N, C-alpha and C. Protein backbone atom coordinates (compact mmCIF):
# COMPACT_ATOMS: atom_id res chain seq x y z
N MET A 1 0.83 -1.30 -0.03
CA MET A 1 -0.28 -0.15 -0.02
C MET A 1 1.05 1.20 -0.21
N ALA A 2 1.60 1.10 0.48
CA ALA A 2 2.70 2.38 0.55
C ALA A 2 3.32 2.79 -0.83
N ASP A 3 3.05 1.94 -1.88
CA ASP A 3 3.64 2.19 -3.31
C ASP A 3 2.61 2.78 -4.00
N GLU A 4 1.38 2.76 -3.53
CA GLU A 4 0.50 2.97 -4.16
C GLU A 4 0.43 4.62 -4.67
N PRO A 5 0.71 5.35 -3.65
CA PRO A 5 0.72 7.03 -3.62
C PRO A 5 1.66 7.28 -4.50
N ASP A 6 3.10 6.60 -4.70
CA ASP A 6 4.29 6.75 -5.48
C ASP A 6 3.53 6.53 -7.18
N ASN A 7 2.48 5.27 -6.99
CA ASN A 7 2.48 5.06 -8.62
C ASN A 7 1.31 5.77 -9.10
N MET A 8 0.62 6.23 -8.20
CA MET A 8 -0.56 7.41 -8.65
C MET A 8 0.13 8.53 -8.87
N VAL A 9 1.24 8.77 -8.40
CA VAL A 9 2.13 10.16 -9.00
C VAL A 9 2.48 10.16 -10.34
N LEU A 10 3.21 8.89 -10.49
CA LEU A 10 4.22 8.36 -11.69
C LEU A 10 3.15 8.51 -12.75
N GLN A 11 1.93 8.04 -12.29
CA GLN A 11 0.95 7.87 -13.70
C GLN A 11 0.54 9.26 -14.09
N ILE A 12 0.49 10.16 -12.82
CA ILE A 12 0.10 11.58 -13.39
C ILE A 12 1.14 12.37 -13.92
N LEU A 13 2.10 12.06 -13.65
CA LEU A 13 3.25 12.47 -14.18
C LEU A 13 3.35 12.21 -15.61
N ARG A 14 3.34 10.83 -15.71
CA ARG A 14 3.89 10.45 -17.43
C ARG A 14 2.53 10.98 -18.09
N ARG A 15 1.40 11.01 -17.89
CA ARG A 15 0.11 11.77 -18.45
C ARG A 15 0.55 13.01 -18.75
N VAL A 16 0.83 14.00 -17.65
CA VAL A 16 1.45 15.15 -17.93
C VAL A 16 2.58 14.76 -19.14
N GLU A 17 3.52 14.05 -19.15
CA GLU A 17 4.61 14.46 -19.90
C GLU A 17 3.75 14.06 -21.48
N THR A 18 3.10 13.05 -21.13
CA THR A 18 2.53 13.10 -22.76
C THR A 18 1.55 13.97 -23.26
N ARG A 19 1.13 14.85 -22.82
CA ARG A 19 0.21 15.81 -23.18
C ARG A 19 1.34 16.83 -23.64
N LEU A 20 2.41 17.02 -22.61
CA LEU A 20 3.11 18.18 -22.82
C LEU A 20 3.95 18.06 -24.21
N THR A 21 4.35 16.54 -24.37
CA THR A 21 4.85 16.31 -25.84
C THR A 21 3.97 16.61 -27.06
N ALA A 22 2.82 16.34 -26.90
CA ALA A 22 1.89 16.42 -27.61
C ALA A 22 1.66 17.88 -27.99
N ILE A 23 1.90 18.49 -27.00
CA ILE A 23 1.77 19.88 -27.35
C ILE A 23 2.95 20.89 -27.51
N GLU A 24 4.09 20.18 -27.49
CA GLU A 24 5.52 20.80 -28.16
C GLU A 24 5.40 20.16 -29.65
N THR A 25 4.62 18.89 -30.08
CA THR A 25 4.67 18.64 -31.51
C THR A 25 3.73 19.57 -32.13
N LYS A 26 2.71 19.89 -31.83
CA LYS A 26 1.68 20.77 -31.97
C LYS A 26 2.26 22.18 -32.35
N LEU A 27 3.10 22.60 -31.31
CA LEU A 27 3.67 24.03 -31.30
C LEU A 27 4.53 24.19 -32.33
N ASP A 28 5.39 22.95 -32.38
CA ASP A 28 6.46 22.93 -33.94
C ASP A 28 5.81 22.82 -35.00
N ARG A 29 4.52 22.17 -35.41
CA ARG A 29 3.76 22.29 -36.39
C ARG A 29 3.52 23.95 -36.69
N VAL A 30 3.45 24.65 -35.60
CA VAL A 30 2.59 25.90 -36.00
C VAL A 30 3.63 26.94 -35.89
N GLY A 31 4.90 26.57 -35.78
CA GLY A 31 5.91 27.29 -35.93
C GLY A 31 6.28 27.14 -37.45
N GLU A 32 6.46 25.97 -37.90
CA GLU A 32 6.58 25.57 -39.24
C GLU A 32 5.66 26.35 -40.16
N ASP A 33 4.36 26.50 -39.95
CA ASP A 33 3.08 27.12 -40.48
C ASP A 33 3.36 28.72 -40.80
N VAL A 34 4.03 29.26 -39.92
CA VAL A 34 3.97 30.37 -39.72
C VAL A 34 5.39 30.74 -40.61
N HIS A 35 6.37 30.24 -40.12
CA HIS A 35 7.29 30.18 -41.13
C HIS A 35 6.90 30.39 -42.62
N GLY A 36 6.26 29.44 -43.06
CA GLY A 36 5.81 28.95 -44.35
C GLY A 36 5.35 30.44 -44.62
N LEU A 37 4.30 30.93 -43.86
CA LEU A 37 3.40 32.16 -44.26
C LEU A 37 4.16 33.09 -44.77
N LYS A 38 5.03 33.28 -43.76
CA LYS A 38 6.29 34.61 -43.70
C LYS A 38 6.89 34.33 -45.27
N VAL A 39 7.27 33.27 -45.50
CA VAL A 39 8.07 33.23 -46.90
C VAL A 39 6.91 33.60 -47.99
N ARG A 40 6.15 32.80 -47.84
CA ARG A 40 4.98 33.02 -48.86
C ARG A 40 4.48 34.72 -49.07
N MET A 41 4.35 35.40 -48.12
CA MET A 41 4.17 36.80 -47.78
C MET A 41 5.06 37.77 -48.13
N THR A 42 6.73 36.95 -48.21
CA THR A 42 7.55 37.99 -48.99
C THR A 42 7.46 37.74 -50.73
N HIS A 43 7.25 36.71 -50.77
CA HIS A 43 7.03 36.33 -52.25
C HIS A 43 5.59 37.51 -52.81
N VAL A 44 4.73 37.79 -52.22
CA VAL A 44 3.74 38.38 -52.46
C VAL A 44 4.12 39.89 -52.49
N GLU A 45 4.78 40.17 -51.70
CA GLU A 45 5.28 41.52 -51.35
C GLU A 45 6.09 41.85 -52.67
N GLU A 46 6.90 41.03 -52.92
CA GLU A 46 8.21 41.21 -53.97
C GLU A 46 7.44 41.23 -55.22
N GLY A 47 6.27 40.35 -55.42
CA GLY A 47 5.15 40.33 -57.08
C GLY A 47 4.80 41.62 -56.67
N LEU A 48 4.20 42.44 -55.70
CA LEU A 48 3.60 43.47 -55.61
C LEU A 48 4.33 44.74 -55.80
N ALA A 49 5.53 44.56 -55.63
CA ALA A 49 6.46 45.30 -55.71
C ALA A 49 7.04 45.74 -57.70
N GLY A 50 6.99 44.54 -58.04
CA GLY A 50 7.33 44.47 -59.33
C GLY A 50 6.21 44.93 -60.30
N VAL A 51 4.73 44.60 -59.64
CA VAL A 51 3.69 45.47 -60.53
C VAL A 51 3.70 46.70 -60.28
N ASN A 52 4.25 47.27 -58.98
CA ASN A 52 3.83 48.38 -58.81
C ASN A 52 5.22 49.37 -59.91
N ARG A 53 6.13 48.81 -60.21
CA ARG A 53 7.20 49.30 -60.84
C ARG A 53 6.30 49.52 -62.39
N ARG A 54 6.11 48.36 -62.72
CA ARG A 54 5.59 48.01 -64.13
C ARG A 54 4.24 49.20 -64.35
N LEU A 55 3.54 49.18 -63.48
CA LEU A 55 2.26 50.26 -63.64
C LEU A 55 3.10 51.80 -63.72
N ASP A 56 4.05 51.93 -62.89
CA ASP A 56 5.04 53.36 -62.72
C ASP A 56 5.54 53.47 -64.04
N ARG A 57 6.20 52.71 -64.69
CA ARG A 57 6.56 52.78 -66.25
C ARG A 57 5.62 53.11 -67.21
N ILE A 58 4.59 52.46 -67.01
CA ILE A 58 3.24 52.56 -67.98
C ILE A 58 2.82 53.89 -67.83
N GLU A 59 2.71 54.26 -66.54
CA GLU A 59 2.16 55.82 -66.39
C GLU A 59 3.26 56.80 -67.02
N GLU A 60 4.38 56.64 -66.72
CA GLU A 60 5.56 57.50 -67.37
C GLU A 60 5.15 57.57 -68.97
N ARG A 61 5.10 56.52 -69.57
CA ARG A 61 4.88 56.24 -70.93
C ARG A 61 3.42 57.25 -71.49
N VAL A 62 2.18 56.70 -70.41
CA VAL A 62 1.46 57.44 -71.02
C VAL A 62 1.58 59.03 -71.01
N ASP A 63 2.20 59.61 -69.72
CA ASP A 63 2.57 60.84 -69.73
C ASP A 63 3.37 61.49 -70.91
N ARG A 64 4.28 60.58 -71.49
CA ARG A 64 4.88 61.16 -72.54
C ARG A 64 3.99 61.08 -73.81
N ILE A 65 3.26 60.18 -73.86
CA ILE A 65 2.33 60.22 -75.14
C ILE A 65 1.53 61.49 -75.02
N GLY A 66 0.83 61.80 -73.73
CA GLY A 66 0.08 62.82 -73.51
C GLY A 66 0.82 64.52 -73.90
N ASN A 67 2.17 64.38 -73.49
CA ASN A 67 2.71 65.68 -73.77
C ASN A 67 3.67 65.76 -75.28
N LEU A 68 3.32 64.27 -76.07
CA LEU A 68 3.66 64.46 -77.43
C LEU A 68 2.30 64.72 -78.32
N SER A 69 1.30 64.48 -78.00
CA SER A 69 0.02 64.75 -78.48
C SER A 69 -0.34 66.11 -78.72
N ASP A 70 0.47 66.99 -77.45
CA ASP A 70 0.22 68.31 -77.35
C ASP A 70 1.11 69.03 -78.50
N LEU A 71 1.95 68.37 -78.93
CA LEU A 71 2.93 69.02 -80.04
C LEU A 71 2.34 69.04 -81.20
N VAL A 72 1.28 68.01 -81.52
CA VAL A 72 0.86 67.86 -82.91
C VAL A 72 -0.20 68.67 -82.69
N ASP A 73 -0.63 68.88 -84.37
CA ASP A 73 -1.87 69.75 -84.67
C ASP A 73 -2.89 68.75 -84.47
N HIS A 74 -3.90 69.42 -83.81
CA HIS A 74 -5.23 68.46 -83.91
C HIS A 74 -6.07 68.47 -85.27
N PRO A 75 -6.59 67.11 -85.72
CA PRO A 75 -6.89 67.08 -86.90
C PRO A 75 -8.48 67.85 -86.69
N TYR A 76 -8.82 68.53 -87.75
CA TYR A 76 -10.73 69.04 -87.82
C TYR A 76 -10.43 70.42 -86.89
N GLY A 77 -9.19 71.03 -86.53
CA GLY A 77 -9.27 72.12 -85.64
C GLY A 77 -9.71 72.14 -84.41
N GLY A 78 -9.92 70.86 -84.10
CA GLY A 78 -10.10 70.62 -82.32
C GLY A 78 -9.59 71.30 -81.68
N VAL A 79 -10.06 71.21 -80.40
CA VAL A 79 -9.04 71.74 -79.25
C VAL A 79 -9.12 70.95 -78.27
N ARG A 80 -7.94 70.45 -77.79
CA ARG A 80 -7.58 69.27 -76.81
C ARG A 80 -8.24 69.43 -75.64
N GLU A 81 -9.18 68.81 -74.71
CA GLU A 81 -9.52 69.10 -73.39
C GLU A 81 -8.41 68.51 -72.41
């Protein structure tokens, strides 16, 4: 009977250890998922920066076209608005 309390404590400690191991495993998976999200987010940001650069170049070209059209006489005597 003297061994019974020790055995109960050991059983409880083993269950606690099992649960902690499961929590550690899940936490490791969450960490890996967060890392994956960071990597993907970085790729999205880089892609968006590339799109913004292209839009800036297009805007510059449109502005140049607008400036060039101001230099050309408009047919039919129309006035550019």
